[in-house]
Amino acid sequence: MTFSSEWLALREPADHLARDRALLQKACLAAGSAPVVLDLGCGTGSNVRAIAPWLPQGTKWHLVDNDAGLLEIAAKKTPGEVHTHCIDLTDLAQLPIEGVTLVTGSALLDLVSKNWFRKLVSNLNAPVYFALSYDGEMVWDPMLPEDQAITESFNEDQRTDKGLGFAMGPDSPALASEILEANGFVVERAQSDWRLTPNDLSLQSELVLGIARATEEAGNVAAKTWGDERVLLSSKSYCTIGHEDILAVPQKR
């Protein structure tokens, strides 16, 4: 489970714009006065760049990814004390959770399984902040006849194994919240939808191609035609891609 630096760079502005600002600020306050942040699946550090401005100088970062190249990019762009960990997230025992005051990740929960997340949470006693989990909603303007069928096919593909068991996919905001609450966390959720316009032409085009590939591989015979039409419409299309942010704090905090 890895992504190209080009795709991560393309989506970063939309990610940062979509985040719920109030929940982001609460997460940073929950990290305490001397934050030690564990960023899971950090990629090139987009999550760090969204969070860092709201944290005090001297924040310590533990960046985790299974791609050494992405980790190197992230480390160079992260302020303060940085520790990188090239770790496969299947091995939760390797995660450096000792002394961490905030566990975070971006666009991650929809890729992991309930079992994986349950095991992770059972070992945590720090606030948890996960941003931009896909919630299964896609709305396009102008519409195409196949939009709903493509969304349904894509959502089913998102529930397949991405390397950490059968993924929570579009159910991740609700399922993750249930798991956190069952483990004694107080959970807050907020919408963080992408709202793309014709000004986001490159991102829209790459997004559409990725959706079309996934749904075609899942057996939707209309996927390629839909993708070709959507790419042609990108210069005048608007779309909303549903996401949610989650902040969860242990009750005793």
Protein backbone atom coordinates (compact mmCIF):
# COMPACT_ATOMS: atom_id res chain seq x y z
CA MET A 1 0.00 0.00 0.00
CA THR A 2 1.90 3.02 -1.28
CA PHE A 3 1.26 6.07 -3.44
CA SER A 4 3.42 8.09 -5.81
CA SER A 5 4.87 11.40 -4.66
CA GLU A 6 3.25 13.00 -7.73
CA TRP A 7 -0.25 11.93 -6.69
CA LEU A 8 0.36 13.01 -3.08
CA ALA A 9 1.53 16.45 -4.24
CA LEU A 10 -1.48 16.80 -6.54
CA ARG A 11 -4.01 16.09 -3.80
CA GLU A 12 -2.33 18.04 -0.98
CA PRO A 13 -3.95 21.46 -1.65
CA ALA A 14 -7.42 19.88 -1.79
CA ASP A 15 -6.71 17.92 1.40
CA HIS A 16 -5.59 21.00 3.31
CA LEU A 17 -8.55 23.06 2.14
CA ALA A 18 -11.04 20.31 3.03
CA ARG A 19 -9.95 19.66 6.62
CA ASP A 20 -12.30 20.79 9.34
CA ARG A 21 -10.37 23.66 10.92
CA ALA A 22 -12.08 23.50 14.32
CA LEU A 23 -11.36 19.79 14.76
CA LEU A 24 -7.75 20.30 13.63
CA GLN A 25 -7.23 22.95 16.30
CA LYS A 26 -8.83 20.73 18.96
CA ALA A 27 -6.52 17.89 17.98
CA CYS A 28 -3.47 20.09 18.38
CA LEU A 29 -4.64 21.27 21.81
CA ALA A 30 -5.24 17.65 22.80
CA ALA A 31 -1.60 16.87 21.93
CA GLY A 32 -0.51 18.86 24.98
CA SER A 33 2.09 21.53 25.65
CA ALA A 34 5.04 19.31 24.62
CA PRO A 35 3.64 17.30 21.72
CA VAL A 36 5.09 14.02 20.51
CA VAL A 37 3.24 13.17 17.31
CA LEU A 38 3.10 9.76 15.62
CA ASP A 39 2.06 10.12 11.95
CA LEU A 40 1.01 6.81 10.40
CA GLY A 41 1.40 6.40 6.64
CA CYS A 42 2.97 9.85 6.45
CA GLY A 43 3.83 9.79 2.74
CA THR A 44 5.69 12.98 1.85
CA GLY A 45 4.49 14.75 5.02
CA SER A 46 1.25 16.43 3.95
CA ASN A 47 -0.35 15.66 7.30
CA VAL A 48 2.61 17.22 9.11
CA ARG A 49 2.33 20.36 7.00
CA ALA A 50 -1.35 20.67 7.90
CA ILE A 51 -0.81 20.15 11.63
CA ALA A 52 2.58 21.75 12.34
CA PRO A 53 1.48 25.41 12.15
CA TRP A 54 -0.89 24.78 15.07
CA LEU A 55 1.68 23.09 17.31
CA PRO A 56 4.40 24.72 19.45
CA GLN A 57 8.07 24.85 18.53
CA GLY A 58 9.90 21.82 19.83
CA THR A 59 7.22 19.36 18.74
CA LYS A 60 8.72 15.90 18.22
CA TRP A 61 7.65 13.86 15.21
CA HIS A 62 7.68 10.11 14.59
CA LEU A 63 6.99 9.60 10.89
CA VAL A 64 5.96 6.11 9.76
CA ASP A 65 5.71 4.82 6.21
CA ASN A 66 6.71 1.69 4.30
CA ASP A 67 8.32 3.73 1.49
CA ALA A 68 11.82 4.94 2.33
CA GLY A 69 11.80 7.47 -0.52
CA LEU A 70 8.61 9.14 0.71
CA LEU A 71 9.95 9.15 4.28
CA GLU A 72 13.09 10.95 3.16
CA ILE A 73 11.01 13.67 1.48
CA ALA A 74 8.80 14.01 4.55
CA ALA A 75 11.73 14.29 6.96
CA LYS A 76 13.34 17.10 4.98
CA LYS A 77 10.12 19.12 5.11
CA THR A 78 9.27 18.54 8.79
CA PRO A 79 10.23 21.15 11.40
CA GLY A 80 11.74 20.29 14.74
CA GLU A 81 12.95 16.92 15.97
CA VAL A 82 12.15 14.20 13.45
CA HIS A 83 12.45 10.42 13.71
CA THR A 84 11.62 8.29 10.67
CA HIS A 85 10.48 4.68 10.83
CA CYS A 86 10.35 2.62 7.65
CA ILE A 87 7.77 0.13 8.91
CA ASP A 88 5.18 -2.11 7.34
CA LEU A 89 1.95 -1.23 9.14
CA THR A 90 1.02 -4.90 9.30
CA ASP A 91 3.48 -5.14 12.21
CA LEU A 92 1.88 -2.97 14.88
CA ALA A 93 4.42 -4.11 17.47
CA GLN A 94 7.07 -2.01 15.70
CA LEU A 95 5.20 1.28 16.09
CA PRO A 96 6.99 3.74 18.42
CA ILE A 97 3.97 4.55 20.61
CA GLU A 98 5.85 5.04 23.90
CA GLY A 99 5.52 8.65 25.05
CA VAL A 100 3.38 9.71 22.09
CA THR A 101 0.80 12.42 22.86
CA LEU A 102 -1.05 12.38 19.51
CA VAL A 103 -1.54 9.58 16.97
CA THR A 104 -2.55 10.81 13.56
CA GLY A 105 -2.93 9.90 9.91
CA SER A 106 -4.49 11.29 6.75
CA ALA A 107 -6.50 9.40 4.11
CA LEU A 108 -5.66 6.17 5.93
CA LEU A 109 -8.66 4.74 7.76
CA ASP A 110 -10.52 3.78 4.59
CA LEU A 111 -7.56 1.56 3.61
CA VAL A 112 -7.27 -0.45 6.84
CA SER A 113 -9.38 -3.26 8.26
CA LYS A 114 -11.55 -3.24 11.38
CA ASN A 115 -9.31 -5.85 12.96
CA TRP A 116 -6.15 -3.83 12.27
CA PHE A 117 -7.68 -0.66 13.69
CA ARG A 118 -9.08 -2.47 16.71
CA LYS A 119 -5.61 -3.82 17.53
CA LEU A 120 -4.05 -0.38 17.07
CA VAL A 121 -6.57 1.36 19.33
CA SER A 122 -6.31 -1.27 22.05
CA ASN A 123 -2.64 -0.28 22.52
CA LEU A 124 -3.21 3.48 22.64
CA ASN A 125 -3.65 5.87 25.53
CA ALA A 126 -3.22 9.11 23.56
CA PRO A 127 -5.59 11.27 21.52
CA VAL A 128 -6.22 10.08 17.98
CA TYR A 129 -6.76 12.37 14.99
CA PHE A 130 -7.44 10.89 11.55
CA ALA A 131 -8.29 13.26 8.71
CA LEU A 132 -9.86 12.79 5.29
CA SER A 133 -11.36 9.32 5.48
CA TYR A 134 -13.47 8.65 2.36
CA ASP A 135 -17.16 8.18 3.26
CA GLY A 136 -18.55 6.80 -0.02
CA GLU A 137 -20.24 9.94 -1.34
CA MET A 138 -19.51 11.32 -4.83
CA VAL A 139 -21.56 14.04 -6.52
CA TRP A 140 -20.78 15.30 -10.03
CA ASP A 141 -21.98 18.35 -11.95
CA PRO A 142 -22.73 17.85 -14.78
CA MET A 143 -24.03 14.37 -14.09
CA LEU A 144 -23.59 11.28 -16.26
CA PRO A 145 -26.01 8.33 -16.34
CA GLU A 146 -23.38 5.93 -14.95
CA ASP A 147 -22.30 8.10 -12.00
CA GLN A 148 -24.22 6.20 -9.32
CA ALA A 149 -23.26 2.76 -10.62
CA ILE A 150 -19.59 3.78 -10.79
CA THR A 151 -19.74 5.12 -7.23
CA GLU A 152 -21.25 1.85 -5.99
CA SER A 153 -18.61 -0.22 -7.81
CA PHE A 154 -15.81 1.98 -6.50
CA ASN A 155 -17.12 1.72 -2.95
CA GLU A 156 -17.14 -2.06 -3.18
CA ASP A 157 -13.56 -2.01 -4.47
CA GLN A 158 -12.59 0.20 -1.53
CA ARG A 159 -13.71 -2.58 0.82
CA THR A 160 -11.23 -5.07 -0.64
CA ASP A 161 -7.89 -5.94 0.96
CA LYS A 162 -5.39 -3.07 0.53
CA GLY A 163 -2.68 -4.91 2.45
CA LEU A 164 -4.11 -4.69 5.98
CA GLY A 165 -7.09 -7.00 5.68
CA PHE A 166 -10.49 -6.26 4.14
CA ALA A 167 -10.61 -2.47 4.26
CA MET A 168 -13.26 -0.44 6.06
CA GLY A 169 -13.51 1.64 2.89
CA PRO A 170 -16.42 4.10 2.85
CA ASP A 171 -17.67 2.68 6.16
CA SER A 172 -14.49 3.77 7.94
CA PRO A 173 -15.75 6.93 9.69
CA ALA A 174 -18.63 5.07 11.34
CA LEU A 175 -16.74 1.84 12.05
CA ALA A 176 -13.65 3.60 13.40
CA SER A 177 -15.83 5.71 15.68
CA GLU A 178 -17.54 2.60 17.06
CA ILE A 179 -14.18 0.95 17.76
CA LEU A 180 -12.81 4.05 19.46
CA GLU A 181 -15.89 4.49 21.64
CA ALA A 182 -15.79 0.80 22.61
CA ASN A 183 -12.22 1.39 23.82
CA GLY A 184 -13.12 4.34 26.03
CA PHE A 185 -12.50 7.26 23.69
CA VAL A 186 -14.75 10.29 23.34
CA VAL A 187 -15.21 10.81 19.59
CA GLU A 188 -15.91 13.92 17.52
CA ARG A 189 -16.51 13.79 13.77
CA ALA A 190 -16.63 16.50 11.12
CA GLN A 191 -17.13 16.60 7.36
CA SER A 192 -14.03 17.39 5.28
CA ASP A 193 -15.30 16.99 1.74
CA TRP A 194 -13.24 17.72 -1.33
CA ARG A 195 -15.09 20.35 -3.39
CA LEU A 196 -13.36 20.38 -6.75
CA THR A 197 -13.93 22.91 -9.52
CA PRO A 198 -12.66 23.31 -13.09
CA ASN A 199 -9.63 25.01 -11.53
CA ASP A 200 -8.69 21.56 -10.18
CA LEU A 201 -8.44 20.12 -13.68
CA SER A 202 -5.33 17.96 -13.11
CA LEU A 203 -6.59 16.55 -9.81
CA GLN A 204 -10.03 15.84 -11.26
CA SER A 205 -8.52 14.04 -14.25
CA GLU A 206 -6.21 11.86 -12.15
CA LEU A 207 -9.01 11.13 -9.69
CA VAL A 208 -11.34 10.05 -12.48
CA LEU A 209 -8.70 7.82 -14.07
CA GLY A 210 -8.02 6.16 -10.73
CA ILE A 211 -11.72 5.55 -10.09
CA ALA A 212 -12.19 4.18 -13.60
CA ARG A 213 -9.23 1.80 -13.25
CA ALA A 214 -10.44 0.50 -9.90
CA THR A 215 -14.02 -0.04 -11.05
CA GLU A 216 -12.94 -1.64 -14.33
CA GLU A 217 -10.74 -4.10 -12.41
CA ALA A 218 -13.73 -4.77 -10.17
CA GLY A 219 -15.73 -5.82 -13.24
CA ASN A 220 -17.72 -2.74 -14.21
CA VAL A 221 -17.73 -2.86 -18.00
CA ALA A 222 -18.85 0.77 -18.29
CA ALA A 223 -15.90 2.11 -16.28
CA LYS A 224 -13.55 3.02 -19.15
CA THR A 225 -16.25 4.82 -21.15
CA TRP A 226 -17.35 6.69 -18.03
CA GLY A 227 -13.74 7.64 -17.27
CA ASP A 228 -13.10 8.90 -20.79
CA GLU A 229 -16.26 11.05 -20.68
CA ARG A 230 -15.45 12.42 -17.24
CA VAL A 231 -11.89 13.38 -18.23
CA LEU A 232 -13.26 15.28 -21.23
CA LEU A 233 -15.67 17.10 -18.88
CA SER A 234 -13.01 17.98 -16.28
CA SER A 235 -12.49 21.49 -17.61
CA LYS A 236 -16.09 22.35 -16.74
CA SER A 237 -16.93 19.90 -13.98
CA TYR A 238 -17.57 20.33 -10.28
CA CYS A 239 -17.50 17.43 -7.87
CA THR A 240 -17.83 16.72 -4.18
CA ILE A 241 -15.96 13.74 -2.75
CA GLY A 242 -17.12 12.96 0.78
CA HIS A 243 -14.60 12.70 3.61
CA GLU A 244 -14.70 12.87 7.38
CA ASP A 245 -12.22 13.86 10.08
CA ILE A 246 -12.19 12.09 13.44
CA LEU A 247 -10.77 13.23 16.79
CA ALA A 248 -10.92 10.81 19.70
CA VAL A 249 -9.63 11.49 23.22
CA PRO A 250 -9.35 8.88 26.00
CA GLN A 251 -12.09 9.56 28.55
CA LYS A 252 -9.70 9.90 31.46
CA ARG A 253 -7.98 12.77 29.61
